[in-house]
Each structure stands twice: as C-alpha cells, then as structure tokens.
Amino acid sequence: MQTSPKRVRRDTIEPLYVQIERNIAEEIASGALSAGAPIPSESTLMELYGVSRPTVRQALGTLRFRGLIESSQGRGSFVRMPPASRVSCLASFTEHSLASGHVPGARLLRYGEMTDADAARQLDCSPEETLLSVVRLRTLDGVPAFLSFAYIPSPYWLSIPRESLRSTGSEQSLYRTIESCCGVRLAAGQEVVAAVAADSASSQILGVPEGAPIVERTCVLKSDDMRSILYERALWVVPKESEIKYERMTT
C-alpha cells in the first residue's frame, strides 16, 4: 500500500471506518496488496488517514469478517487470500463452528408466514407470494454472533415444520434442515457484504450499542437446477481477532 497521506471525506454521513475499509479492500482487489502481504500497522493507518485507533480497528474488523485479511498477535494483519477465491456463502456457520471446537446456538425469535416484496424479488417470486419467515439469534459459545432473517418460498417451506428448527447440535443448521426436509441440495450461492450501523432493535438483540458498526450479509442460495431456495439477511457483530474464522466453499 502506498504511504502517501490518504483522504477520507468528513462532509458525508458515511462513517470514516467504512471509507478506510473500502480503500484497503480496493487495494486487495486491484492486486496492489497480494495474498500474504502485510497490512500497515494501526499506528501507520492512523497517521495515513488522520483518524483515531478505534476507527482503524473498526475498519480492520470488517475486513477480517469479510475474509480479506487475517491477524496474528505480535505479527499484525496480512491479506488472507486472492479475491477470486471469495465467492460463496455456502459455508455453514453451525458446521464450521463445531469443527473448530466452538459451541453454536440458535434462539428462534419468529416462525411464520408473511409477504415481503424485497425477499420475494431476491427469490424470483411475485411480490404477493407467501414466504416462510424464520428469524433466529445465532450465538457462538453463548455470545451473540449474528441475527438471521431467513425467507423460504413455496412449496419448500411447507416441508419445514417449526419443530424441525433445533437450538443445539448439528441439526440447528438451517442449511441442513432445508436439504433434509425439502430433498434439495444447496449448490450455489451469491452474497453481498456491507458495513452498517446497528439500529435500536438489532442493537438490543445483539447486545451492542445503537449505532455501533455491524456487518450486513445478504445471501441467496440456489439448488442444483438453480432454483432459488433461501434468501437470508444476517446482521453480524464485528468479530474480534480471537474469534473463529470461517472458510467459504466455492461454487
């Protein structure tokens, strides 16, 4: 990364950490920062952008969540992998947590039929189509990890009874529940990740201050024959360096 002073706009509502995160992400995508390359230290980034240490840490936390960088105590942060390999949201939070020795959990907040024009559009359905809405708080080792808003179209949701949504063990995975109950395989995925501010409702559930930086991930999962099966909007707590890192499967 160049060491010349960087500019961040202070006359916009866009948070400074989002601008810094985007700048570094663009450096990685362009190849200016290749896999394994070191990210400038927090102190260097503070000087380059003229911002505080908490702002720099928020930007680096979002980059870590996106899988763009990884950090090691005493060594700093490094580019994690080439952009071409970050392509899918097929990785199961439940399966990866268990495989890494962590304890995932799920608390069901809502299960019911509803219409949602945006979710229907993502699922290639008509705006009036009835969808199954499943809202759950996902935890990691007893601590809130993310808030999941999942939508499943007809006829698939008819095969997913409320009692099939478990709160512990490997069966709490919604991906696994859909595949076993509906007889389909989730084979392809497309996701969008963005940094957002926690609103009043999500902050209370996630246990973070209102306005705190969180990560929004929207994902559409499709079957082998490219039918849209699941649309999920997830609001993640920005992870700390010590938290679990997730590998994503390629499609």
C-alpha atoms as a PDB file:
ATOM      1  CA  MET A   1       0.000   0.000   0.000  1.00  0.00           C
ATOM      2  CA  GLN A   2       1.246   3.475  -0.765  1.00  0.00           C
ATOM      3  CA  THR A   3       2.471   5.502   2.200  1.00  0.00           C
ATOM      4  CA  SER A   4       1.270   8.872   0.939  1.00  0.00           C
ATOM      5  CA  PRO A   5      -1.456  10.581   3.008  1.00  0.00           C
ATOM      6  CA  LYS A   6      -4.939   9.201   2.386  1.00  0.00           C
ATOM      7  CA  ARG A   7      -8.128  11.185   2.124  1.00  0.00           C
ATOM      8  CA  VAL A   8     -11.374  10.417   3.901  1.00  0.00           C
ATOM      9  CA  ARG A   9     -14.437  12.563   3.458  1.00  0.00           C
ATOM     10  CA  ARG A  10     -15.673  14.168   6.630  1.00  0.00           C
ATOM     11  CA  ASP A  11     -18.560  16.011   4.969  1.00  0.00           C
ATOM     12  CA  THR A  12     -20.616  12.837   4.495  1.00  0.00           C
ATOM     13  CA  ILE A  13     -22.725  10.596   6.722  1.00  0.00           C
ATOM     14  CA  GLU A  14     -20.646   7.609   5.623  1.00  0.00           C
ATOM     15  CA  PRO A  15     -18.564   6.507   8.645  1.00  0.00           C
ATOM     16  CA  LEU A  16     -14.807   7.005   8.401  1.00  0.00           C
ATOM     17  CA  TYR A  17     -14.091   3.341   9.131  1.00  0.00           C
ATOM     18  CA  VAL A  18     -16.249   2.312   6.157  1.00  0.00           C
ATOM     19  CA  GLN A  19     -14.217   4.564   3.849  1.00  0.00           C
ATOM     20  CA  ILE A  20     -10.951   3.120   5.164  1.00  0.00           C
ATOM     21  CA  GLU A  21     -12.221  -0.456   4.854  1.00  0.00           C
ATOM     22  CA  ARG A  22     -13.306   0.176   1.262  1.00  0.00           C
ATOM     23  CA  ASN A  23      -9.953   1.737   0.360  1.00  0.00           C
ATOM     24  CA  ILE A  24      -7.991  -1.263   1.656  1.00  0.00           C
ATOM     25  CA  ALA A  25     -10.433  -3.703   0.022  1.00  0.00           C
ATOM     26  CA  GLU A  26      -9.897  -1.953  -3.323  1.00  0.00           C
ATOM     27  CA  GLU A  27      -6.122  -2.243  -2.877  1.00  0.00           C
ATOM     28  CA  ILE A  28      -6.552  -6.001  -2.388  1.00  0.00           C
ATOM     29  CA  ALA A  29      -8.948  -6.394  -5.323  1.00  0.00           C
ATOM     30  CA  SER A  30      -6.629  -4.472  -7.661  1.00  0.00           C
ATOM     31  CA  GLY A  31      -3.633  -6.614  -6.712  1.00  0.00           C
ATOM     32  CA  ALA A  32      -1.758  -3.743  -5.108  1.00  0.00           C
ATOM     33  CA  LEU A  33      -1.903  -5.842  -1.944  1.00  0.00           C
ATOM     34  CA  SER A  34      -1.404  -9.510  -2.828  1.00  0.00           C
ATOM     35  CA  ALA A  35      -2.072 -12.624  -0.745  1.00  0.00           C
ATOM     36  CA  GLY A  36       0.268 -12.700   2.247  1.00  0.00           C
ATOM     37  CA  ALA A  37       1.153  -9.007   2.005  1.00  0.00           C
ATOM     38  CA  PRO A  38       1.216  -7.146   5.325  1.00  0.00           C
ATOM     39  CA  ILE A  39      -1.390  -4.514   6.112  1.00  0.00           C
ATOM     40  CA  PRO A  40       0.088  -1.300   7.558  1.00  0.00           C
ATOM     41  CA  SER A  41       0.043  -1.192  11.351  1.00  0.00           C
ATOM     42  CA  GLU A  42      -2.742   0.521  13.272  1.00  0.00           C
ATOM     43  CA  SER A  43      -0.421   3.423  14.064  1.00  0.00           C
ATOM     44  CA  THR A  44       0.522   3.811  10.399  1.00  0.00           C
ATOM     45  CA  LEU A  45      -3.117   3.760   9.290  1.00  0.00           C
ATOM     46  CA  MET A  46      -3.991   6.321  11.963  1.00  0.00           C
ATOM     47  CA  GLU A  47      -1.338   8.619  10.533  1.00  0.00           C
ATOM     48  CA  LEU A  48      -2.227   7.970   6.890  1.00  0.00           C
ATOM     49  CA  TYR A  49      -5.936   8.677   7.371  1.00  0.00           C
ATOM     50  CA  GLY A  50      -5.798  11.125  10.262  1.00  0.00           C
ATOM     51  CA  VAL A  51      -8.212   9.077  12.379  1.00  0.00           C
ATOM     52  CA  SER A  52      -8.333   7.518  15.832  1.00  0.00           C
ATOM     53  CA  ARG A  53      -7.287   3.979  16.768  1.00  0.00           C
ATOM     54  CA  PRO A  54     -10.907   2.778  17.368  1.00  0.00           C
ATOM     55  CA  THR A  55     -11.803   3.892  13.834  1.00  0.00           C
ATOM     56  CA  VAL A  56      -8.888   1.916  12.363  1.00  0.00           C
ATOM     57  CA  ARG A  57      -9.820  -1.143  14.426  1.00  0.00           C
ATOM     58  CA  GLN A  58     -13.413  -0.994  13.169  1.00  0.00           C
ATOM     59  CA  ALA A  59     -12.156  -0.956   9.568  1.00  0.00           C
ATOM     60  CA  LEU A  60      -9.794  -3.898  10.168  1.00  0.00           C
ATOM     61  CA  GLY A  61     -12.528  -5.823  11.987  1.00  0.00           C
ATOM     62  CA  THR A  62     -14.819  -5.564   8.958  1.00  0.00           C
ATOM     63  CA  LEU A  63     -12.015  -6.684   6.642  1.00  0.00           C
ATOM     64  CA  ARG A  64     -11.385  -9.697   8.849  1.00  0.00           C
ATOM     65  CA  PHE A  65     -15.067 -10.615   8.804  1.00  0.00           C
ATOM     66  CA  ARG A  66     -15.123 -10.425   5.018  1.00  0.00           C
ATOM     67  CA  GLY A  67     -12.226 -12.869   4.880  1.00  0.00           C
ATOM     68  CA  LEU A  68      -9.941 -10.347   3.208  1.00  0.00           C
ATOM     69  CA  ILE A  69      -7.324 -10.230   5.968  1.00  0.00           C
ATOM     70  CA  GLU A  70      -6.236 -12.243   8.990  1.00  0.00           C
ATOM     71  CA  SER A  71      -4.477 -11.034  12.110  1.00  0.00           C
ATOM     72  CA  SER A  72      -1.978 -12.560  14.487  1.00  0.00           C
ATOM     73  CA  GLN A  73      -0.999 -11.094  17.831  1.00  0.00           C
ATOM     74  CA  GLY A  74       2.507  -9.691  17.632  1.00  0.00           C
ATOM     75  CA  ARG A  75       2.679 -10.017  13.838  1.00  0.00           C
ATOM     76  CA  GLY A  76      -0.076  -7.702  12.637  1.00  0.00           C
ATOM     77  CA  SER A  77      -2.537  -8.186   9.781  1.00  0.00           C
ATOM     78  CA  PHE A  78      -1.995  -9.773   6.361  1.00  0.00           C
ATOM     79  CA  VAL A  79      -4.003 -10.263   3.182  1.00  0.00           C
ATOM     80  CA  ARG A  80      -5.695 -13.604   3.612  1.00  0.00           C
ATOM     81  CA  MET A  81      -6.467 -14.905   0.136  1.00  0.00           C
ATOM     82  CA  PRO A  82      -6.878 -13.818  -3.501  1.00  0.00           C
ATOM     83  CA  PRO A  83     -10.202 -12.119  -4.271  1.00  0.00           C
ATOM     84  CA  ALA A  84     -11.114 -14.818  -6.813  1.00  0.00           C
ATOM     85  CA  SER A  85     -11.497 -17.432  -4.062  1.00  0.00           C
ATOM     86  CA  ARG A  86     -14.034 -15.435  -2.026  1.00  0.00           C
ATOM     87  CA  VAL A  87     -17.143 -16.402  -3.928  1.00  0.00           C
ATOM     88  CA  SER A  88     -19.743 -18.160  -1.799  1.00  0.00           C
ATOM     89  CA  CYS A  89     -21.914 -18.051   1.307  1.00  0.00           C
ATOM     90  CA  LEU A  90     -22.426 -21.827   1.243  1.00  0.00           C
ATOM     91  CA  ALA A  91     -20.313 -22.425   4.334  1.00  0.00           C
ATOM     92  CA  SER A  92     -22.463 -23.469   7.306  1.00  0.00           C
ATOM     93  CA  PHE A  93     -21.961 -21.426  10.480  1.00  0.00           C
ATOM     94  CA  THR A  94     -23.030 -24.446  12.539  1.00  0.00           C
ATOM     95  CA  GLU A  95     -20.726 -26.970  10.861  1.00  0.00           C
ATOM     96  CA  HIS A  96     -17.650 -24.724  10.883  1.00  0.00           C
ATOM     97  CA  SER A  97     -18.203 -23.707  14.491  1.00  0.00           C
ATOM     98  CA  LEU A  98     -18.475 -27.330  15.634  1.00  0.00           C
ATOM     99  CA  ALA A  99     -15.469 -28.389  13.549  1.00  0.00           C
ATOM    100  CA  SER A 100     -13.419 -25.603  15.148  1.00  0.00           C
ATOM    101  CA  GLY A 101     -14.273 -26.678  18.691  1.00  0.00           C
ATOM    102  CA  HIS A 102     -16.808 -23.927  19.346  1.00  0.00           C
ATOM    103  CA  VAL A 103     -20.412 -24.250  20.500  1.00  0.00           C
ATOM    104  CA  PRO A 104     -23.003 -22.681  18.164  1.00  0.00           C
ATOM    105  CA  GLY A 105     -26.523 -21.951  19.313  1.00  0.00           C
ATOM    106  CA  ALA A 106     -29.827 -20.762  17.871  1.00  0.00           C
ATOM    107  CA  ARG A 107     -32.748 -18.967  19.521  1.00  0.00           C
ATOM    108  CA  LEU A 108     -35.920 -18.833  17.441  1.00  0.00           C
ATOM    109  CA  LEU A 109     -37.463 -15.348  17.501  1.00  0.00           C
ATOM    110  CA  ARG A 110     -40.038 -15.737  14.744  1.00  0.00           C
ATOM    111  CA  TYR A 111     -41.540 -18.510  12.633  1.00  0.00           C
ATOM    112  CA  GLY A 112     -44.475 -17.720  10.391  1.00  0.00           C
ATOM    113  CA  GLU A 113     -45.929 -16.929   7.012  1.00  0.00           C
ATOM    114  CA  MET A 114     -45.604 -13.455   5.556  1.00  0.00           C
ATOM    115  CA  THR A 115     -45.210 -11.451   2.371  1.00  0.00           C
ATOM    116  CA  ASP A 116     -42.094  -9.391   1.762  1.00  0.00           C
ATOM    117  CA  ALA A 117     -41.596  -7.714  -1.604  1.00  0.00           C
ATOM    118  CA  ASP A 118     -37.799  -7.428  -1.341  1.00  0.00           C
ATOM    119  CA  ALA A 119     -37.312 -11.031  -0.220  1.00  0.00           C
ATOM    120  CA  ALA A 120     -39.681 -12.213  -2.950  1.00  0.00           C
ATOM    121  CA  ARG A 121     -37.672 -10.320  -5.566  1.00  0.00           C
ATOM    122  CA  GLN A 122     -34.457 -11.940  -4.335  1.00  0.00           C
ATOM    123  CA  LEU A 123     -36.138 -15.349  -4.597  1.00  0.00           C
ATOM    124  CA  ASP A 124     -37.536 -14.690  -8.108  1.00  0.00           C
ATOM    125  CA  CYS A 125     -41.104 -14.783  -6.758  1.00  0.00           C
ATOM    126  CA  SER A 126     -44.071 -12.491  -7.222  1.00  0.00           C
ATOM    127  CA  PRO A 127     -44.363  -9.759  -4.552  1.00  0.00           C
ATOM    128  CA  GLU A 128     -47.634 -11.284  -3.316  1.00  0.00           C
ATOM    129  CA  GLU A 129     -46.245 -14.785  -2.754  1.00  0.00           C
ATOM    130  CA  THR A 130     -46.400 -16.102   0.797  1.00  0.00           C
ATOM    131  CA  LEU A 131     -42.973 -16.883   2.226  1.00  0.00           C
ATOM    132  CA  LEU A 132     -41.832 -18.619   5.372  1.00  0.00           C
ATOM    133  CA  SER A 133     -40.037 -16.133   7.635  1.00  0.00           C
ATOM    134  CA  VAL A 134     -37.552 -17.550  10.147  1.00  0.00           C
ATOM    135  CA  VAL A 135     -35.800 -15.092  12.460  1.00  0.00           C
ATOM    136  CA  ARG A 136     -33.125 -16.500  14.773  1.00  0.00           C
ATOM    137  CA  LEU A 137     -30.379 -15.197  17.007  1.00  0.00           C
ATOM    138  CA  ARG A 138     -27.251 -17.247  16.377  1.00  0.00           C
ATOM    139  CA  THR A 139     -24.707 -17.494  19.159  1.00  0.00           C
ATOM    140  CA  LEU A 140     -21.119 -18.682  19.434  1.00  0.00           C
ATOM    141  CA  ASP A 141     -20.017 -20.059  22.798  1.00  0.00           C
ATOM    142  CA  GLY A 142     -23.071 -18.412  24.330  1.00  0.00           C
ATOM    143  CA  VAL A 143     -22.323 -14.949  22.917  1.00  0.00           C
ATOM    144  CA  PRO A 144     -24.496 -13.310  20.192  1.00  0.00           C
ATOM    145  CA  ALA A 145     -22.836 -13.724  16.782  1.00  0.00           C
ATOM    146  CA  PHE A 146     -25.488 -12.653  14.293  1.00  0.00           C
ATOM    147  CA  LEU A 147     -29.189 -12.033  13.773  1.00  0.00           C
ATOM    148  CA  SER A 148     -30.618 -14.071  10.896  1.00  0.00           C
ATOM    149  CA  PHE A 149     -33.689 -13.126   8.837  1.00  0.00           C
ATOM    150  CA  ALA A 150     -34.355 -16.084   6.524  1.00  0.00           C
ATOM    151  CA  TYR A 151     -37.059 -16.398   3.856  1.00  0.00           C
ATOM    152  CA  ILE A 152     -38.060 -19.609   2.075  1.00  0.00           C
ATOM    153  CA  PRO A 153     -40.530 -19.723  -0.853  1.00  0.00           C
ATOM    154  CA  SER A 154     -43.361 -22.122  -1.583  1.00  0.00           C
ATOM    155  CA  PRO A 155     -43.502 -25.071  -1.906  1.00  0.00           C
ATOM    156  CA  TYR A 156     -40.296 -25.653   0.073  1.00  0.00           C
ATOM    157  CA  TRP A 157     -41.389 -24.016   3.321  1.00  0.00           C
ATOM    158  CA  LEU A 158     -44.384 -26.342   3.521  1.00  0.00           C
ATOM    159  CA  SER A 159     -41.897 -29.139   4.304  1.00  0.00           C
ATOM    160  CA  ILE A 160     -40.209 -27.270   7.179  1.00  0.00           C
ATOM    161  CA  PRO A 161     -42.241 -27.540  10.391  1.00  0.00           C
ATOM    162  CA  ARG A 162     -41.418 -25.350  13.364  1.00  0.00           C
ATOM    163  CA  GLU A 163     -40.180 -28.327  15.385  1.00  0.00           C
ATOM    164  CA  SER A 164     -37.504 -29.070  12.773  1.00  0.00           C
ATOM    165  CA  LEU A 165     -35.652 -25.888  13.776  1.00  0.00           C
ATOM    166  CA  ARG A 166     -33.383 -27.038  16.609  1.00  0.00           C
ATOM    167  CA  SER A 167     -31.447 -24.844  19.014  1.00  0.00           C
ATOM    168  CA  THR A 168     -28.388 -27.028  19.659  1.00  0.00           C
ATOM    169  CA  GLY A 169     -26.116 -29.531  17.916  1.00  0.00           C
ATOM    170  CA  SER A 170     -25.559 -30.023  14.216  1.00  0.00           C
ATOM    171  CA  GLU A 171     -29.299 -30.124  13.481  1.00  0.00           C
ATOM    172  CA  GLN A 172     -29.656 -26.392  14.242  1.00  0.00           C
ATOM    173  CA  SER A 173     -28.164 -25.662  10.796  1.00  0.00           C
ATOM    174  CA  LEU A 174     -30.889 -24.166   8.593  1.00  0.00           C
ATOM    175  CA  TYR A 175     -28.964 -25.320   5.518  1.00  0.00           C
ATOM    176  CA  ARG A 176     -29.069 -28.902   6.765  1.00  0.00           C
ATOM    177  CA  THR A 177     -32.754 -28.611   7.714  1.00  0.00           C
ATOM    178  CA  ILE A 178     -33.698 -27.360   4.252  1.00  0.00           C
ATOM    179  CA  GLU A 179     -31.733 -30.103   2.500  1.00  0.00           C
ATOM    180  CA  SER A 180     -33.154 -32.895   4.674  1.00  0.00           C
ATOM    181  CA  CYS A 181     -36.754 -31.666   4.787  1.00  0.00           C
ATOM    182  CA  CYS A 182     -37.070 -30.462   1.194  1.00  0.00           C
ATOM    183  CA  GLY A 183     -34.911 -33.029  -0.579  1.00  0.00           C
ATOM    184  CA  VAL A 184     -32.756 -30.427  -2.330  1.00  0.00           C
ATOM    185  CA  ARG A 185     -29.044 -29.657  -2.294  1.00  0.00           C
ATOM    186  CA  LEU A 186     -27.868 -26.095  -1.777  1.00  0.00           C
ATOM    187  CA  ALA A 187     -25.330 -25.948  -4.571  1.00  0.00           C
ATOM    188  CA  ALA A 188     -24.747 -22.292  -5.411  1.00  0.00           C
ATOM    189  CA  GLY A 189     -24.755 -19.007  -3.565  1.00  0.00           C
ATOM    190  CA  GLN A 190     -24.407 -15.288  -4.117  1.00  0.00           C
ATOM    191  CA  GLU A 191     -23.771 -12.818  -1.306  1.00  0.00           C
ATOM    192  CA  VAL A 192     -23.299  -9.123  -0.673  1.00  0.00           C
ATOM    193  CA  VAL A 193     -21.461  -7.876   2.434  1.00  0.00           C
ATOM    194  CA  ALA A 194     -21.611  -4.324   3.743  1.00  0.00           C
ATOM    195  CA  ALA A 195     -20.840  -2.409   6.914  1.00  0.00           C
ATOM    196  CA  VAL A 196     -23.906  -0.835   8.557  1.00  0.00           C
ATOM    197  CA  ALA A 197     -24.858   0.739  11.877  1.00  0.00           C
ATOM    198  CA  ALA A 198     -26.936  -1.212  14.391  1.00  0.00           C
ATOM    199  CA  ASP A 199     -30.460   0.146  14.783  1.00  0.00           C
ATOM    200  CA  SER A 200     -32.411   0.160  18.028  1.00  0.00           C
ATOM    201  CA  ALA A 201     -33.958  -3.312  17.594  1.00  0.00           C
ATOM    202  CA  SER A 202     -30.842  -5.143  16.398  1.00  0.00           C
ATOM    203  CA  SER A 203     -28.614  -3.479  18.984  1.00  0.00           C
ATOM    204  CA  GLN A 204     -30.782  -4.762  21.832  1.00  0.00           C
ATOM    205  CA  ILE A 205     -30.803  -8.322  20.494  1.00  0.00           C
ATOM    206  CA  LEU A 206     -27.091  -8.407  19.613  1.00  0.00           C
ATOM    207  CA  GLY A 207     -26.031  -6.668  22.793  1.00  0.00           C
ATOM    208  CA  VAL A 208     -24.185  -3.801  21.102  1.00  0.00           C
ATOM    209  CA  PRO A 209     -24.710  -0.032  21.398  1.00  0.00           C
ATOM    210  CA  GLU A 210     -27.165   1.556  18.984  1.00  0.00           C
ATOM    211  CA  GLY A 211     -25.177   2.937  16.057  1.00  0.00           C
ATOM    212  CA  ALA A 212     -22.300   0.517  16.626  1.00  0.00           C
ATOM    213  CA  PRO A 213     -20.682  -0.927  13.469  1.00  0.00           C
ATOM    214  CA  ILE A 214     -22.067  -4.307  12.442  1.00  0.00           C
ATOM    215  CA  VAL A 215     -21.816  -6.293   9.219  1.00  0.00           C
ATOM    216  CA  GLU A 216     -24.810  -6.987   6.991  1.00  0.00           C
ATOM    217  CA  ARG A 217     -24.631 -10.044   4.754  1.00  0.00           C
ATOM    218  CA  THR A 218     -27.387 -10.836   2.287  1.00  0.00           C
ATOM    219  CA  CYS A 219     -27.281 -14.193   0.563  1.00  0.00           C
ATOM    220  CA  VAL A 220     -29.357 -16.110  -1.976  1.00  0.00           C
ATOM    221  CA  LEU A 221     -28.859 -19.880  -2.101  1.00  0.00           C
ATOM    222  CA  LYS A 222     -29.893 -21.989  -5.075  1.00  0.00           C
ATOM    223  CA  SER A 223     -30.388 -25.686  -5.767  1.00  0.00           C
ATOM    224  CA  ASP A 224     -28.571 -27.847  -8.327  1.00  0.00           C
ATOM    225  CA  ASP A 225     -31.038 -26.756 -11.007  1.00  0.00           C
ATOM    226  CA  MET A 226     -30.609 -23.090  -9.986  1.00  0.00           C
ATOM    227  CA  ARG A 227     -33.965 -22.664  -8.246  1.00  0.00           C
ATOM    228  CA  SER A 228     -33.872 -20.023  -5.510  1.00  0.00           C
ATOM    229  CA  ILE A 229     -34.382 -21.817  -2.184  1.00  0.00           C
ATOM    230  CA  LEU A 230     -33.314 -19.415   0.554  1.00  0.00           C
ATOM    231  CA  TYR A 231     -32.785 -15.689   0.993  1.00  0.00           C
ATOM    232  CA  GLU A 232     -31.046 -14.643   4.198  1.00  0.00           C
ATOM    233  CA  ARG A 233     -30.230 -11.234   5.612  1.00  0.00           C
ATOM    234  CA  ALA A 234     -27.791 -11.569   8.502  1.00  0.00           C
ATOM    235  CA  LEU A 235     -26.574  -8.857  10.851  1.00  0.00           C
ATOM    236  CA  TRP A 236     -23.213  -9.845  12.348  1.00  0.00           C
ATOM    237  CA  VAL A 237     -21.413  -8.478  15.356  1.00  0.00           C
ATOM    238  CA  VAL A 238     -17.992  -7.309  14.137  1.00  0.00           C
ATOM    239  CA  PRO A 239     -15.701 -10.117  15.356  1.00  0.00           C
ATOM    240  CA  LYS A 240     -12.588  -9.673  17.470  1.00  0.00           C
ATOM    241  CA  GLU A 241      -9.214 -11.079  16.455  1.00  0.00           C
ATOM    242  CA  SER A 242      -9.637 -14.078  18.755  1.00  0.00           C
ATOM    243  CA  GLU A 243     -12.911 -15.182  17.249  1.00  0.00           C
ATOM    244  CA  ILE A 244     -13.430 -18.016  14.823  1.00  0.00           C
ATOM    245  CA  LYS A 245     -12.552 -17.513  11.149  1.00  0.00           C
ATOM    246  CA  TYR A 246     -14.797 -19.080   8.516  1.00  0.00           C
ATOM    247  CA  GLU A 247     -13.714 -20.602   5.237  1.00  0.00           C
ATOM    248  CA  ARG A 248     -16.176 -20.333   2.386  1.00  0.00           C
ATOM    249  CA  MET A 249     -16.843 -23.097  -0.105  1.00  0.00           C
ATOM    250  CA  THR A 250     -16.542 -22.311  -3.784  1.00  0.00           C
ATOM    251  CA  THR A 251     -19.396 -22.829  -6.200  1.00  0.00           C
END
